[in-house]
Amino acid sequence: MLSTLAATTVAAHWVGPWGAGFGFLFLLIPLFWITVFVLIFTFAGRRWRRAAMARDGYGYGYGPRSASRSAESTLAERFAKGDIDEVEYRARLEVIRANRENQG
């Protein structure tokens, strides 16, 4: 009887208080949640950067999507603010569009 008690005590200390095979959960559960949070922040960061690039006029490449579109929007903003009149706006818009057609 004493040998059975000794063997049971050694076995209980060897496998832990929750039984055999569950000791690895102390590592897997935190690793799982760390992985989940890393994936969430990675994809959220990529979406945020992509939205910021689209907002600033950059496509998937390394430069502005369209310089003439940016020039047209800048010209439209100046016209809306009253910096330039309609005649000057239309003249500059024709120049911008003519340059775009000559380039592309």
Protein backbone atom coordinates (compact mmCIF):
# COMPACT_ATOMS: atom_id res chain seq x y z
CA MET A 1 0.00 0.00 0.00
CA LEU A 2 2.84 2.38 0.75
CA SER A 3 4.39 1.77 -2.68
CA THR A 4 1.05 2.54 -4.38
CA LEU A 5 0.77 5.81 -2.46
CA ALA A 6 4.34 6.75 -3.39
CA ALA A 7 3.73 5.93 -7.08
CA THR A 8 0.49 7.95 -7.10
CA THR A 9 2.22 10.95 -5.53
CA VAL A 10 5.06 10.85 -8.06
CA ALA A 11 2.59 10.50 -10.95
CA ALA A 12 0.49 13.41 -9.70
CA HIS A 13 3.54 15.66 -9.52
CA TRP A 14 4.75 14.55 -12.93
CA VAL A 15 1.55 15.37 -14.88
CA GLY A 16 0.36 18.32 -12.85
CA PRO A 17 -2.83 18.94 -10.94
CA TRP A 18 -5.10 18.89 -14.06
CA GLY A 19 -4.08 15.50 -15.33
CA ALA A 20 -1.87 14.32 -18.13
CA GLY A 21 -1.47 16.34 -21.31
CA PHE A 22 -2.95 19.70 -20.34
CA GLY A 23 0.26 21.38 -19.21
CA PHE A 24 0.98 22.56 -22.76
CA LEU A 25 -2.17 24.71 -22.68
CA PHE A 26 -0.36 27.20 -20.48
CA LEU A 27 1.80 27.95 -23.50
CA LEU A 28 -0.70 27.48 -26.32
CA ILE A 29 -3.49 29.70 -25.01
CA PRO A 30 -1.33 32.84 -24.62
CA LEU A 31 0.40 32.12 -27.93
CA PHE A 32 -2.99 31.79 -29.62
CA TRP A 33 -4.21 35.15 -28.31
CA ILE A 34 -0.93 36.88 -29.11
CA THR A 35 -1.24 35.56 -32.68
CA VAL A 36 -4.85 36.73 -32.93
CA PHE A 37 -3.97 40.26 -31.79
CA VAL A 38 -0.94 40.46 -34.08
CA LEU A 39 -3.10 39.45 -37.05
CA ILE A 40 -5.81 41.95 -36.13
CA PHE A 41 -3.32 44.83 -35.77
CA THR A 42 -1.50 43.83 -38.96
CA PHE A 43 -4.62 43.81 -41.11
CA ALA A 44 -6.04 46.93 -39.47
CA GLY A 45 -2.74 48.74 -40.02
CA ARG A 46 -2.64 47.71 -43.66
CA ARG A 47 -6.19 48.97 -44.19
CA TRP A 48 -5.37 52.23 -42.44
CA ARG A 49 -2.24 52.77 -44.55
CA ARG A 50 -4.09 51.89 -47.76
CA ALA A 51 -6.87 54.34 -46.89
CA ALA A 52 -4.33 57.05 -46.07
CA MET A 53 -2.55 56.50 -49.38
CA ALA A 54 -5.84 56.66 -51.28
CA ARG A 55 -6.81 59.82 -49.42
CA ASP A 56 -3.48 61.47 -50.27
CA GLY A 57 -3.78 60.59 -53.95
CA TYR A 58 -1.33 57.72 -54.09
CA GLY A 59 -2.20 54.46 -55.76
CA TYR A 60 -0.49 51.14 -55.26
CA GLY A 61 2.67 52.48 -56.91
CA TYR A 62 5.14 55.07 -55.71
CA GLY A 63 3.69 58.30 -56.95
CA PRO A 64 0.55 60.29 -57.29
CA ARG A 65 -2.16 58.49 -59.19
CA SER A 66 -2.69 61.30 -61.63
CA ALA A 67 -0.87 64.59 -61.54
CA SER A 68 -3.44 66.19 -63.84
CA ARG A 69 -6.31 65.12 -61.55
CA SER A 70 -4.45 66.65 -58.64
CA ALA A 71 -3.90 69.83 -60.63
CA GLU A 72 -7.58 69.95 -61.58
CA SER A 73 -8.67 69.54 -57.98
CA THR A 74 -6.24 72.23 -56.82
CA LEU A 75 -7.51 74.55 -59.51
CA ALA A 76 -11.12 73.81 -58.53
CA GLU A 77 -10.32 74.57 -54.89
CA ARG A 78 -8.75 77.90 -55.83
CA PHE A 79 -11.80 78.76 -57.91
CA ALA A 80 -14.13 77.79 -55.06
CA LYS A 81 -12.17 79.98 -52.62
CA GLY A 82 -12.38 82.91 -54.99
CA ASP A 83 -8.65 83.19 -55.66
CA ILE A 84 -9.25 83.10 -59.42
CA ASP A 85 -12.21 84.08 -61.56
CA GLU A 86 -14.15 81.88 -63.99
CA VAL A 87 -12.28 83.03 -67.10
CA GLU A 88 -8.90 82.24 -65.58
CA TYR A 89 -10.25 78.93 -64.20
CA ARG A 90 -11.47 77.79 -67.62
CA ALA A 91 -8.27 78.88 -69.36
CA ARG A 92 -6.05 77.02 -66.90
CA LEU A 93 -8.31 73.97 -66.99
CA GLU A 94 -7.95 73.80 -70.78
CA VAL A 95 -4.17 73.97 -70.45
CA ILE A 96 -4.13 71.17 -67.88
CA ARG A 97 -6.36 68.94 -70.01
CA ALA A 98 -4.36 69.68 -73.17
CA ASN A 99 -1.15 68.71 -71.39
CA ARG A 100 -2.73 65.51 -70.13
CA GLU A 101 -3.80 64.53 -73.65
CA ASN A 102 -0.32 65.29 -75.04
CA GLN A 103 1.37 63.16 -72.37
CA GLY A 104 -0.89 60.12 -72.52
